[in-house]
Amino acid sequence: MIRNIVFDMGNVLIRFDPDEFLDREDVTDPEGRRILREELFSSVEWAMMDLGLETEDTFEPKVIARVPEHLREKARHLLRNWAFPRTMIPGMEELVKRIKAAGYGVYLLSNASVGQPAYWNQLPVSRYFDGTLVSAFVKTVKPNPVIYRLFTEEFHLEEAECVFIDDAPINVAGAIACGWQGIVFRGDAARLERSLREMGVAI
């Protein structure tokens, strides 16, 4: 029986779209957009922030050194402010609210940097969550089996009673391999609700 619904964050609850962040910074030059997208959001250091091996403070001088001078202030501001504000995936806050009201445990398991709490705690949806585990604080990322084990140990949960929802199939596969149930999120809250109901979640 499913007792706990565990959500990924980016592109499940809230949008993660570098083009949206670049638009907000008014970066219109195609070459400038390419450079910032690659040197920030697709960089090794970005992945290392999720692993807790880099922080925004340690990453900043590296990215500033790599981008042309006219992009340096944009790069600095994006690194520090890309997460403000965040856009919710349509329908997801309402679905989380109903899942919580139905008596299920509601949790977050996210690959993110140590800066995650600063923006997560500003989101109204966060108040429905019973617990969060962010990769940078445990220095391992999905789909490493270790992170799923750490999660269930942290919150004293049974694997078979958890369903994990992520937009990345590899992360859902990782959860299933650890004894969880899983759903790949396709951007549609109504479709997700139907999938949960088919699993026996009473919402």
N, C-alpha and C. Protein backbone atom coordinates (compact mmCIF):
# COMPACT_ATOMS: atom_id res chain seq x y z
N MET A 1 0.84 -1.20 0.00
CA MET A 1 0.00 0.00 0.00
C MET A 1 0.88 1.25 0.00
N ILE A 2 0.53 2.18 -0.84
CA ILE A 2 1.28 3.44 -0.91
C ILE A 2 0.82 4.36 0.22
N ARG A 3 1.79 4.83 0.99
CA ARG A 3 1.51 5.77 2.06
C ARG A 3 2.22 7.11 1.88
N ASN A 4 3.22 7.13 0.99
CA ASN A 4 4.05 8.32 0.85
C ASN A 4 4.27 8.65 -0.62
N ILE A 5 4.06 9.92 -0.97
CA ILE A 5 4.28 10.41 -2.32
C ILE A 5 5.52 11.29 -2.28
N VAL A 6 6.53 10.91 -3.07
CA VAL A 6 7.82 11.61 -3.06
C VAL A 6 8.01 12.28 -4.42
N PHE A 7 8.22 13.58 -4.39
CA PHE A 7 8.33 14.37 -5.61
C PHE A 7 9.77 14.80 -5.86
N ASP A 8 10.17 14.77 -7.13
CA ASP A 8 11.30 15.56 -7.60
C ASP A 8 10.84 17.03 -7.61
N MET A 9 11.77 17.94 -7.79
CA MET A 9 11.42 19.36 -7.78
C MET A 9 11.39 19.95 -9.18
N GLY A 10 12.57 20.05 -9.84
CA GLY A 10 12.65 20.74 -11.12
C GLY A 10 11.90 20.03 -12.22
N ASN A 11 11.01 20.76 -12.88
CA ASN A 11 10.16 20.27 -13.97
C ASN A 11 9.18 19.19 -13.53
N VAL A 12 8.95 19.12 -12.22
CA VAL A 12 7.84 18.34 -11.67
C VAL A 12 6.94 19.27 -10.87
N LEU A 13 7.53 19.96 -9.91
CA LEU A 13 6.77 20.95 -9.14
C LEU A 13 6.97 22.36 -9.68
N ILE A 14 8.21 22.69 -9.99
CA ILE A 14 8.52 24.02 -10.50
C ILE A 14 9.37 23.89 -11.76
N ARG A 15 9.25 24.88 -12.62
CA ARG A 15 9.95 24.83 -13.90
C ARG A 15 11.45 25.06 -13.71
N PHE A 16 12.23 24.29 -14.46
CA PHE A 16 13.66 24.57 -14.61
C PHE A 16 13.92 24.73 -16.10
N ASP A 17 14.06 25.97 -16.53
CA ASP A 17 14.19 26.28 -17.96
C ASP A 17 15.22 27.38 -18.13
N PRO A 18 16.47 27.03 -18.46
CA PRO A 18 17.49 28.07 -18.63
C PRO A 18 17.10 29.17 -19.60
N ASP A 19 16.35 28.85 -20.63
CA ASP A 19 15.93 29.91 -21.56
C ASP A 19 15.04 30.94 -20.87
N GLU A 20 14.20 30.49 -19.96
CA GLU A 20 13.38 31.42 -19.19
C GLU A 20 14.25 32.33 -18.34
N PHE A 21 15.28 31.77 -17.72
CA PHE A 21 16.17 32.57 -16.88
C PHE A 21 16.95 33.58 -17.73
N LEU A 22 17.38 33.16 -18.92
CA LEU A 22 18.11 34.06 -19.81
C LEU A 22 17.20 35.18 -20.32
N ASP A 23 15.95 34.84 -20.60
CA ASP A 23 14.97 35.87 -21.01
C ASP A 23 14.82 36.91 -19.90
N ARG A 24 14.75 36.46 -18.67
CA ARG A 24 14.55 37.36 -17.55
C ARG A 24 15.74 38.31 -17.37
N GLU A 25 16.92 37.84 -17.76
CA GLU A 25 18.12 38.68 -17.70
C GLU A 25 18.31 39.52 -18.97
N ASP A 26 17.35 39.39 -19.89
CA ASP A 26 17.39 40.15 -21.14
C ASP A 26 18.65 39.84 -21.95
N VAL A 27 19.02 38.57 -21.99
CA VAL A 27 20.12 38.12 -22.83
C VAL A 27 19.51 37.73 -24.18
N THR A 28 19.67 38.58 -25.17
CA THR A 28 19.01 38.37 -26.46
C THR A 28 19.96 37.87 -27.54
N ASP A 29 21.24 38.10 -27.39
CA ASP A 29 22.23 37.69 -28.38
C ASP A 29 22.36 36.17 -28.39
N PRO A 30 22.15 35.50 -29.53
CA PRO A 30 22.21 34.03 -29.56
C PRO A 30 23.52 33.46 -29.06
N GLU A 31 24.65 34.10 -29.40
CA GLU A 31 25.94 33.59 -28.96
C GLU A 31 26.10 33.76 -27.45
N GLY A 32 25.65 34.89 -26.94
CA GLY A 32 25.71 35.11 -25.49
C GLY A 32 24.85 34.10 -24.74
N ARG A 33 23.68 33.79 -25.28
CA ARG A 33 22.80 32.79 -24.65
C ARG A 33 23.47 31.42 -24.64
N ARG A 34 24.11 31.09 -25.77
CA ARG A 34 24.79 29.79 -25.85
C ARG A 34 25.90 29.70 -24.80
N ILE A 35 26.70 30.74 -24.71
CA ILE A 35 27.82 30.73 -23.76
C ILE A 35 27.32 30.59 -22.34
N LEU A 36 26.33 31.39 -21.95
CA LEU A 36 25.84 31.34 -20.58
C LEU A 36 25.15 30.02 -20.26
N ARG A 37 24.43 29.50 -21.24
CA ARG A 37 23.76 28.21 -21.02
C ARG A 37 24.81 27.12 -20.78
N GLU A 38 25.87 27.12 -21.61
CA GLU A 38 26.89 26.09 -21.49
C GLU A 38 27.75 26.28 -20.24
N GLU A 39 28.18 27.49 -19.99
CA GLU A 39 29.13 27.72 -18.90
C GLU A 39 28.48 27.74 -17.52
N LEU A 40 27.17 27.97 -17.48
CA LEU A 40 26.46 27.91 -16.21
C LEU A 40 25.69 26.61 -16.09
N PHE A 41 24.59 26.51 -16.81
CA PHE A 41 23.62 25.45 -16.55
C PHE A 41 24.03 24.08 -17.06
N SER A 42 24.96 24.03 -18.03
CA SER A 42 25.42 22.73 -18.55
C SER A 42 26.87 22.45 -18.17
N SER A 43 27.36 23.12 -17.16
CA SER A 43 28.76 22.99 -16.77
C SER A 43 28.97 21.83 -15.81
N VAL A 44 30.22 21.39 -15.73
CA VAL A 44 30.60 20.38 -14.75
C VAL A 44 30.36 20.91 -13.34
N GLU A 45 30.65 22.19 -13.13
CA GLU A 45 30.48 22.77 -11.80
C GLU A 45 29.02 22.78 -11.36
N TRP A 46 28.10 22.98 -12.30
CA TRP A 46 26.68 22.94 -11.95
C TRP A 46 26.33 21.55 -11.40
N ALA A 47 26.81 20.51 -12.09
CA ALA A 47 26.58 19.15 -11.61
C ALA A 47 27.26 18.93 -10.26
N MET A 48 28.44 19.51 -10.08
CA MET A 48 29.15 19.35 -8.82
C MET A 48 28.45 20.08 -7.68
N MET A 49 27.72 21.15 -7.98
CA MET A 49 26.92 21.80 -6.93
C MET A 49 25.84 20.85 -6.43
N ASP A 50 25.22 20.09 -7.34
CA ASP A 50 24.23 19.10 -6.92
C ASP A 50 24.87 18.04 -6.02
N LEU A 51 26.14 17.75 -6.26
CA LEU A 51 26.86 16.76 -5.45
C LEU A 51 27.40 17.35 -4.15
N GLY A 52 27.24 18.64 -3.97
CA GLY A 52 27.77 19.27 -2.77
C GLY A 52 29.27 19.46 -2.80
N LEU A 53 29.88 19.34 -3.99
CA LEU A 53 31.33 19.50 -4.14
C LEU A 53 31.71 20.89 -4.62
N GLU A 54 30.73 21.67 -5.02
CA GLU A 54 30.89 23.09 -5.34
C GLU A 54 29.73 23.82 -4.68
N THR A 55 29.93 25.11 -4.46
CA THR A 55 28.84 25.98 -4.03
C THR A 55 28.80 27.17 -4.98
N GLU A 56 27.78 27.98 -4.84
CA GLU A 56 27.72 29.20 -5.65
C GLU A 56 28.96 30.06 -5.42
N ASP A 57 29.47 30.08 -4.20
CA ASP A 57 30.65 30.89 -3.88
C ASP A 57 31.91 30.38 -4.59
N THR A 58 32.08 29.06 -4.61
CA THR A 58 33.28 28.52 -5.25
C THR A 58 33.16 28.50 -6.77
N PHE A 59 31.93 28.41 -7.28
CA PHE A 59 31.70 28.36 -8.73
C PHE A 59 31.87 29.74 -9.36
N GLU A 60 31.49 30.79 -8.65
CA GLU A 60 31.46 32.12 -9.25
C GLU A 60 32.77 32.55 -9.91
N PRO A 61 33.92 32.49 -9.24
CA PRO A 61 35.14 32.94 -9.91
C PRO A 61 35.51 32.10 -11.13
N LYS A 62 35.13 30.83 -11.14
CA LYS A 62 35.44 29.96 -12.27
C LYS A 62 34.63 30.35 -13.50
N VAL A 63 33.33 30.58 -13.31
CA VAL A 63 32.51 30.93 -14.46
C VAL A 63 32.84 32.34 -14.95
N ILE A 64 33.14 33.24 -14.04
CA ILE A 64 33.49 34.60 -14.44
C ILE A 64 34.75 34.59 -15.30
N ALA A 65 35.70 33.73 -14.96
CA ALA A 65 36.95 33.65 -15.72
C ALA A 65 36.74 33.07 -17.11
N ARG A 66 35.65 32.32 -17.30
CA ARG A 66 35.45 31.61 -18.57
C ARG A 66 34.61 32.38 -19.58
N VAL A 67 33.83 33.36 -19.14
CA VAL A 67 32.93 34.04 -20.06
C VAL A 67 33.52 35.38 -20.49
N PRO A 68 33.15 35.88 -21.68
CA PRO A 68 33.64 37.19 -22.11
C PRO A 68 33.27 38.29 -21.12
N GLU A 69 34.06 39.33 -21.12
CA GLU A 69 33.89 40.40 -20.12
C GLU A 69 32.48 40.98 -20.13
N HIS A 70 31.90 41.15 -21.33
CA HIS A 70 30.59 41.78 -21.40
C HIS A 70 29.46 40.90 -20.85
N LEU A 71 29.77 39.61 -20.60
CA LEU A 71 28.76 38.69 -20.05
C LEU A 71 28.97 38.41 -18.56
N ARG A 72 30.02 38.95 -17.99
CA ARG A 72 30.37 38.56 -16.63
C ARG A 72 29.34 38.99 -15.60
N GLU A 73 28.82 40.18 -15.72
CA GLU A 73 27.81 40.60 -14.75
C GLU A 73 26.54 39.79 -14.90
N LYS A 74 26.17 39.46 -16.15
CA LYS A 74 25.00 38.60 -16.38
C LYS A 74 25.24 37.22 -15.75
N ALA A 75 26.44 36.68 -15.95
CA ALA A 75 26.74 35.36 -15.39
C ALA A 75 26.67 35.38 -13.88
N ARG A 76 27.23 36.42 -13.28
CA ARG A 76 27.22 36.54 -11.82
C ARG A 76 25.78 36.64 -11.30
N HIS A 77 24.99 37.45 -11.95
CA HIS A 77 23.61 37.65 -11.49
C HIS A 77 22.78 36.38 -11.69
N LEU A 78 22.98 35.70 -12.82
CA LEU A 78 22.25 34.46 -13.06
C LEU A 78 22.60 33.40 -12.01
N LEU A 79 23.88 33.26 -11.72
CA LEU A 79 24.30 32.27 -10.74
C LEU A 79 23.64 32.50 -9.40
N ARG A 80 23.51 33.75 -9.01
CA ARG A 80 22.97 34.09 -7.70
C ARG A 80 21.45 34.20 -7.67
N ASN A 81 20.84 34.45 -8.83
CA ASN A 81 19.42 34.83 -8.82
C ASN A 81 18.55 34.05 -9.80
N TRP A 82 19.10 33.03 -10.48
CA TRP A 82 18.30 32.31 -11.47
C TRP A 82 17.02 31.73 -10.85
N ALA A 83 17.05 31.42 -9.57
CA ALA A 83 15.92 30.74 -8.93
C ALA A 83 14.83 31.68 -8.43
N PHE A 84 14.98 32.95 -8.65
CA PHE A 84 14.00 33.94 -8.14
C PHE A 84 13.44 34.74 -9.31
N PRO A 85 12.14 34.73 -9.55
CA PRO A 85 11.16 33.84 -8.92
C PRO A 85 11.12 32.50 -9.64
N ARG A 86 10.42 31.53 -9.06
CA ARG A 86 10.23 30.24 -9.69
C ARG A 86 8.78 30.10 -10.14
N THR A 87 8.60 29.43 -11.27
CA THR A 87 7.28 29.24 -11.86
C THR A 87 6.79 27.83 -11.58
N MET A 88 5.62 27.70 -11.00
CA MET A 88 5.05 26.39 -10.71
C MET A 88 4.59 25.69 -12.00
N ILE A 89 4.69 24.37 -12.02
CA ILE A 89 4.07 23.58 -13.08
C ILE A 89 2.56 23.63 -12.86
N PRO A 90 1.79 23.98 -13.89
CA PRO A 90 0.34 24.14 -13.71
C PRO A 90 -0.32 22.91 -13.08
N GLY A 91 -1.15 23.17 -12.08
CA GLY A 91 -1.93 22.13 -11.43
C GLY A 91 -1.23 21.37 -10.34
N MET A 92 0.08 21.54 -10.20
CA MET A 92 0.81 20.69 -9.25
C MET A 92 0.60 21.11 -7.79
N GLU A 93 0.53 22.40 -7.53
CA GLU A 93 0.30 22.80 -6.13
C GLU A 93 -1.05 22.29 -5.64
N GLU A 94 -2.06 22.37 -6.49
CA GLU A 94 -3.39 21.90 -6.11
C GLU A 94 -3.39 20.39 -5.88
N LEU A 95 -2.66 19.66 -6.72
CA LEU A 95 -2.59 18.21 -6.56
C LEU A 95 -1.86 17.84 -5.27
N VAL A 96 -0.75 18.49 -4.99
CA VAL A 96 -0.02 18.23 -3.75
C VAL A 96 -0.91 18.50 -2.54
N LYS A 97 -1.64 19.60 -2.58
CA LYS A 97 -2.53 19.96 -1.48
C LYS A 97 -3.56 18.87 -1.23
N ARG A 98 -4.13 18.31 -2.29
CA ARG A 98 -5.15 17.27 -2.13
C ARG A 98 -4.55 15.95 -1.65
N ILE A 99 -3.34 15.65 -2.11
CA ILE A 99 -2.65 14.44 -1.63
C ILE A 99 -2.41 14.55 -0.13
N LYS A 100 -1.95 15.71 0.30
CA LYS A 100 -1.70 15.93 1.73
C LYS A 100 -3.00 15.83 2.52
N ALA A 101 -4.06 16.45 2.02
CA ALA A 101 -5.34 16.42 2.72
C ALA A 101 -5.91 15.01 2.81
N ALA A 102 -5.54 14.14 1.87
CA ALA A 102 -6.02 12.76 1.88
C ALA A 102 -5.27 11.89 2.88
N GLY A 103 -4.25 12.45 3.53
CA GLY A 103 -3.56 11.73 4.60
C GLY A 103 -2.26 11.07 4.22
N TYR A 104 -1.78 11.33 3.02
CA TYR A 104 -0.52 10.73 2.59
C TYR A 104 0.67 11.58 3.06
N GLY A 105 1.80 10.90 3.28
CA GLY A 105 3.04 11.64 3.50
C GLY A 105 3.48 12.27 2.20
N VAL A 106 3.96 13.50 2.27
CA VAL A 106 4.39 14.23 1.07
C VAL A 106 5.84 14.67 1.29
N TYR A 107 6.71 14.26 0.36
CA TYR A 107 8.14 14.49 0.53
C TYR A 107 8.78 14.98 -0.77
N LEU A 108 9.96 15.57 -0.61
CA LEU A 108 10.75 16.05 -1.74
C LEU A 108 12.10 15.34 -1.73
N LEU A 109 12.51 14.84 -2.90
CA LEU A 109 13.84 14.27 -3.10
C LEU A 109 14.40 14.89 -4.37
N SER A 110 15.38 15.77 -4.21
CA SER A 110 15.82 16.60 -5.33
C SER A 110 17.33 16.64 -5.46
N ASN A 111 17.81 16.58 -6.71
CA ASN A 111 19.19 16.93 -7.00
C ASN A 111 19.28 18.45 -7.09
N ALA A 112 19.93 19.06 -6.13
CA ALA A 112 20.03 20.53 -6.09
C ALA A 112 21.20 20.93 -5.20
N SER A 113 21.56 22.19 -5.29
CA SER A 113 22.72 22.72 -4.55
C SER A 113 22.31 23.09 -3.13
N VAL A 114 23.31 23.48 -2.34
CA VAL A 114 23.04 23.91 -0.97
C VAL A 114 22.22 25.19 -0.92
N GLY A 115 22.08 25.87 -2.06
CA GLY A 115 21.25 27.07 -2.10
C GLY A 115 19.76 26.78 -2.21
N GLN A 116 19.38 25.51 -2.34
CA GLN A 116 17.98 25.15 -2.58
C GLN A 116 17.02 25.67 -1.51
N PRO A 117 17.32 25.56 -0.22
CA PRO A 117 16.34 26.02 0.78
C PRO A 117 15.96 27.49 0.65
N ALA A 118 16.85 28.32 0.12
CA ALA A 118 16.57 29.75 0.02
C ALA A 118 15.37 30.03 -0.87
N TYR A 119 15.23 29.26 -1.96
CA TYR A 119 14.07 29.50 -2.82
C TYR A 119 12.92 28.53 -2.52
N TRP A 120 13.24 27.31 -2.10
CA TRP A 120 12.19 26.35 -1.79
C TRP A 120 11.27 26.87 -0.69
N ASN A 121 11.84 27.42 0.35
CA ASN A 121 11.04 27.87 1.49
C ASN A 121 10.19 29.09 1.17
N GLN A 122 10.42 29.74 0.04
CA GLN A 122 9.59 30.86 -0.38
C GLN A 122 8.38 30.40 -1.20
N LEU A 123 8.36 29.15 -1.59
CA LEU A 123 7.27 28.65 -2.43
C LEU A 123 6.10 28.20 -1.56
N PRO A 124 4.90 28.67 -1.84
CA PRO A 124 3.75 28.26 -1.03
C PRO A 124 3.56 26.74 -0.97
N VAL A 125 3.92 26.03 -2.04
CA VAL A 125 3.73 24.57 -2.05
C VAL A 125 4.57 23.88 -0.98
N SER A 126 5.66 24.50 -0.55
CA SER A 126 6.56 23.85 0.40
C SER A 126 5.89 23.55 1.73
N ARG A 127 4.84 24.29 2.07
CA ARG A 127 4.22 24.09 3.39
C ARG A 127 3.49 22.75 3.50
N TYR A 128 3.26 22.08 2.39
CA TYR A 128 2.56 20.80 2.43
C TYR A 128 3.51 19.62 2.64
N PHE A 129 4.81 19.88 2.65
CA PHE A 129 5.78 18.79 2.66
C PHE A 129 6.18 18.40 4.07
N ASP A 130 6.24 17.08 4.28
CA ASP A 130 6.63 16.54 5.58
C ASP A 130 8.14 16.46 5.74
N GLY A 131 8.86 16.49 4.64
CA GLY A 131 10.31 16.43 4.71
C GLY A 131 10.93 16.60 3.34
N THR A 132 12.18 17.05 3.32
CA THR A 132 12.92 17.20 2.07
C THR A 132 14.31 16.63 2.24
N LEU A 133 14.82 16.04 1.16
CA LEU A 133 16.21 15.62 1.12
C LEU A 133 16.80 16.15 -0.18
N VAL A 134 17.85 16.96 -0.06
CA VAL A 134 18.50 17.61 -1.19
C VAL A 134 19.90 17.01 -1.34
N SER A 135 20.23 16.66 -2.57
CA SER A 135 21.44 15.90 -2.85
C SER A 135 22.71 16.53 -2.30
N ALA A 136 22.85 17.85 -2.43
CA ALA A 136 24.10 18.50 -2.03
C ALA A 136 24.43 18.28 -0.56
N PHE A 137 23.40 18.13 0.26
CA PHE A 137 23.64 17.98 1.70
C PHE A 137 24.06 16.57 2.09
N VAL A 138 23.84 15.61 1.18
CA VAL A 138 24.27 14.23 1.46
C VAL A 138 25.36 13.77 0.49
N LYS A 139 25.74 14.66 -0.43
CA LYS A 139 26.84 14.45 -1.37
C LYS A 139 26.68 13.20 -2.24
N THR A 140 25.47 12.98 -2.67
CA THR A 140 25.19 11.96 -3.67
C THR A 140 23.91 12.35 -4.39
N VAL A 141 23.77 11.91 -5.63
CA VAL A 141 22.65 12.34 -6.46
C VAL A 141 21.86 11.14 -6.98
N LYS A 142 20.61 11.39 -7.32
CA LYS A 142 19.83 10.41 -8.07
C LYS A 142 20.53 10.22 -9.43
N PRO A 143 20.58 8.99 -9.95
CA PRO A 143 19.92 7.77 -9.48
C PRO A 143 20.81 6.84 -8.65
N ASN A 144 21.82 7.36 -7.99
CA ASN A 144 22.64 6.51 -7.13
C ASN A 144 21.75 5.85 -6.07
N PRO A 145 21.80 4.52 -5.94
CA PRO A 145 20.95 3.85 -4.95
C PRO A 145 21.12 4.38 -3.53
N VAL A 146 22.29 4.93 -3.24
CA VAL A 146 22.56 5.41 -1.88
C VAL A 146 21.56 6.49 -1.48
N ILE A 147 21.19 7.36 -2.40
CA ILE A 147 20.33 8.49 -2.02
C ILE A 147 18.92 8.01 -1.66
N TYR A 148 18.44 6.97 -2.32
CA TYR A 148 17.11 6.44 -1.99
C TYR A 148 17.13 5.77 -0.61
N ARG A 149 18.23 5.09 -0.32
CA ARG A 149 18.36 4.46 1.00
C ARG A 149 18.46 5.52 2.09
N LEU A 150 19.27 6.54 1.85
CA LEU A 150 19.39 7.62 2.83
C LEU A 150 18.04 8.29 3.09
N PHE A 151 17.27 8.44 2.02
CA PHE A 151 15.95 9.08 2.14
C PHE A 151 15.04 8.28 3.06
N THR A 152 14.90 6.98 2.79
CA THR A 152 13.97 6.19 3.61
C THR A 152 14.46 6.08 5.05
N GLU A 153 15.78 6.04 5.23
CA GLU A 153 16.32 6.01 6.59
C GLU A 153 16.06 7.32 7.32
N GLU A 154 16.23 8.43 6.62
CA GLU A 154 16.05 9.75 7.24
C GLU A 154 14.63 9.94 7.76
N PHE A 155 13.65 9.46 6.99
CA PHE A 155 12.26 9.70 7.36
C PHE A 155 11.54 8.46 7.88
N HIS A 156 12.31 7.37 8.08
CA HIS A 156 11.77 6.14 8.67
C HIS A 156 10.58 5.61 7.85
N LEU A 157 10.81 5.46 6.55
CA LEU A 157 9.78 5.01 5.63
C LEU A 157 10.12 3.63 5.07
N GLU A 158 9.08 2.90 4.67
CA GLU A 158 9.25 1.62 4.00
C GLU A 158 9.28 1.85 2.49
N GLU A 159 10.25 1.24 1.82
CA GLU A 159 10.40 1.45 0.38
C GLU A 159 9.12 1.14 -0.39
N ALA A 160 8.49 0.01 -0.07
CA ALA A 160 7.31 -0.43 -0.81
C ALA A 160 6.12 0.51 -0.62
N GLU A 161 6.18 1.37 0.38
CA GLU A 161 5.08 2.30 0.64
C GLU A 161 5.31 3.67 0.01
N CYS A 162 6.39 3.79 -0.77
CA CYS A 162 6.73 5.07 -1.40
C CYS A 162 6.55 4.99 -2.92
N VAL A 163 6.01 6.04 -3.50
CA VAL A 163 6.00 6.20 -4.95
C VAL A 163 6.78 7.47 -5.27
N PHE A 164 7.70 7.36 -6.22
CA PHE A 164 8.56 8.48 -6.58
C PHE A 164 8.16 9.02 -7.93
N ILE A 165 8.08 10.35 -8.03
CA ILE A 165 7.65 11.04 -9.24
C ILE A 165 8.79 11.94 -9.70
N ASP A 166 9.30 11.70 -10.91
CA ASP A 166 10.43 12.46 -11.44
C ASP A 166 10.24 12.58 -12.95
N ASP A 167 10.76 13.66 -13.52
CA ASP A 167 10.66 13.81 -14.97
C ASP A 167 11.75 13.03 -15.71
N ALA A 168 12.78 12.57 -15.00
CA ALA A 168 13.87 11.82 -15.63
C ALA A 168 13.64 10.32 -15.43
N PRO A 169 13.43 9.56 -16.51
CA PRO A 169 13.18 8.12 -16.36
C PRO A 169 14.28 7.39 -15.59
N ILE A 170 15.53 7.80 -15.74
CA ILE A 170 16.62 7.12 -15.05
C ILE A 170 16.49 7.25 -13.53
N ASN A 171 15.96 8.38 -13.08
CA ASN A 171 15.80 8.56 -11.63
C ASN A 171 14.63 7.74 -11.10
N VAL A 172 13.58 7.61 -11.90
CA VAL A 172 12.46 6.75 -11.51
C VAL A 172 12.92 5.29 -11.50
N ALA A 173 13.70 4.91 -12.51
CA ALA A 173 14.22 3.54 -12.55
C ALA A 173 15.09 3.25 -11.33
N GLY A 174 15.87 4.24 -10.90
CA GLY A 174 16.69 4.06 -9.71
C GLY A 174 15.86 3.79 -8.48
N ALA A 175 14.75 4.51 -8.35
CA ALA A 175 13.86 4.29 -7.21
C ALA A 175 13.23 2.90 -7.26
N ILE A 176 12.76 2.52 -8.44
CA ILE A 176 12.12 1.21 -8.59
C ILE A 176 13.12 0.09 -8.26
N ALA A 177 14.37 0.26 -8.68
CA ALA A 177 15.39 -0.74 -8.38
C ALA A 177 15.64 -0.87 -6.89
N CYS A 178 15.29 0.16 -6.15
CA CYS A 178 15.47 0.13 -4.69
C CYS A 178 14.21 -0.30 -3.95
N GLY A 179 13.20 -0.77 -4.68
CA GLY A 179 12.00 -1.30 -4.05
C GLY A 179 10.84 -0.34 -3.96
N TRP A 180 11.00 0.88 -4.50
CA TRP A 180 9.91 1.85 -4.54
C TRP A 180 9.01 1.57 -5.73
N GLN A 181 7.89 2.27 -5.80
CA GLN A 181 7.13 2.38 -7.02
C GLN A 181 7.49 3.73 -7.66
N GLY A 182 7.18 3.90 -8.94
CA GLY A 182 7.60 5.13 -9.60
C GLY A 182 6.73 5.52 -10.76
N ILE A 183 6.72 6.82 -11.04
CA ILE A 183 5.98 7.39 -12.17
C ILE A 183 6.88 8.43 -12.84
N VAL A 184 7.01 8.35 -14.16
CA VAL A 184 7.69 9.40 -14.90
C VAL A 184 6.70 10.53 -15.17
N PHE A 185 7.05 11.72 -14.74
CA PHE A 185 6.16 12.88 -14.92
C PHE A 185 6.35 13.45 -16.31
N ARG A 186 5.23 13.66 -17.02
CA ARG A 186 5.26 14.14 -18.40
C ARG A 186 4.75 15.57 -18.53
N GLY A 187 4.72 16.29 -17.42
CA GLY A 187 4.33 17.69 -17.48
C GLY A 187 2.85 17.95 -17.33
N ASP A 188 2.07 16.92 -17.03
CA ASP A 188 0.61 17.01 -17.00
C ASP A 188 0.12 16.55 -15.63
N ALA A 189 -0.36 17.49 -14.82
CA ALA A 189 -0.82 17.16 -13.46
C ALA A 189 -2.01 16.22 -13.48
N ALA A 190 -2.93 16.41 -14.42
CA ALA A 190 -4.11 15.54 -14.49
C ALA A 190 -3.71 14.11 -14.84
N ARG A 191 -2.76 13.96 -15.75
CA ARG A 191 -2.27 12.62 -16.10
C ARG A 191 -1.59 11.97 -14.91
N LEU A 192 -0.82 12.74 -14.17
CA LEU A 192 -0.17 12.20 -12.97
C LEU A 192 -1.22 11.74 -11.97
N GLU A 193 -2.25 12.52 -11.77
CA GLU A 193 -3.30 12.13 -10.83
C GLU A 193 -3.94 10.81 -11.24
N ARG A 194 -4.19 10.64 -12.53
CA ARG A 194 -4.77 9.38 -13.01
C ARG A 194 -3.83 8.22 -12.72
N SER A 195 -2.54 8.42 -12.93
CA SER A 195 -1.57 7.36 -12.65
C SER A 195 -1.54 6.99 -11.18
N LEU A 196 -1.60 8.00 -10.33
CA LEU A 196 -1.61 7.73 -8.90
C LEU A 196 -2.87 6.96 -8.49
N ARG A 197 -4.00 7.34 -9.04
CA ARG A 197 -5.25 6.64 -8.74
C ARG A 197 -5.17 5.17 -9.18
N GLU A 198 -4.55 4.94 -10.34
CA GLU A 198 -4.41 3.57 -10.84
C GLU A 198 -3.54 2.72 -9.92
N MET A 199 -2.64 3.39 -9.19
CA MET A 199 -1.79 2.70 -8.20
C MET A 199 -2.50 2.50 -6.87
N GLY A 200 -3.70 3.04 -6.73
CA GLY A 200 -4.45 2.88 -5.50
C GLY A 200 -4.41 4.07 -4.56
N VAL A 201 -3.81 5.17 -5.01
CA VAL A 201 -3.78 6.38 -4.17
C VAL A 201 -5.16 7.02 -4.20
N ALA A 202 -5.76 7.18 -3.03
CA ALA A 202 -7.14 7.64 -2.93
C ALA A 202 -7.20 9.15 -2.84
N ILE A 203 -7.23 9.78 -4.00
CA ILE A 203 -7.33 11.25 -4.06
C ILE A 203 -8.44 11.63 -5.01
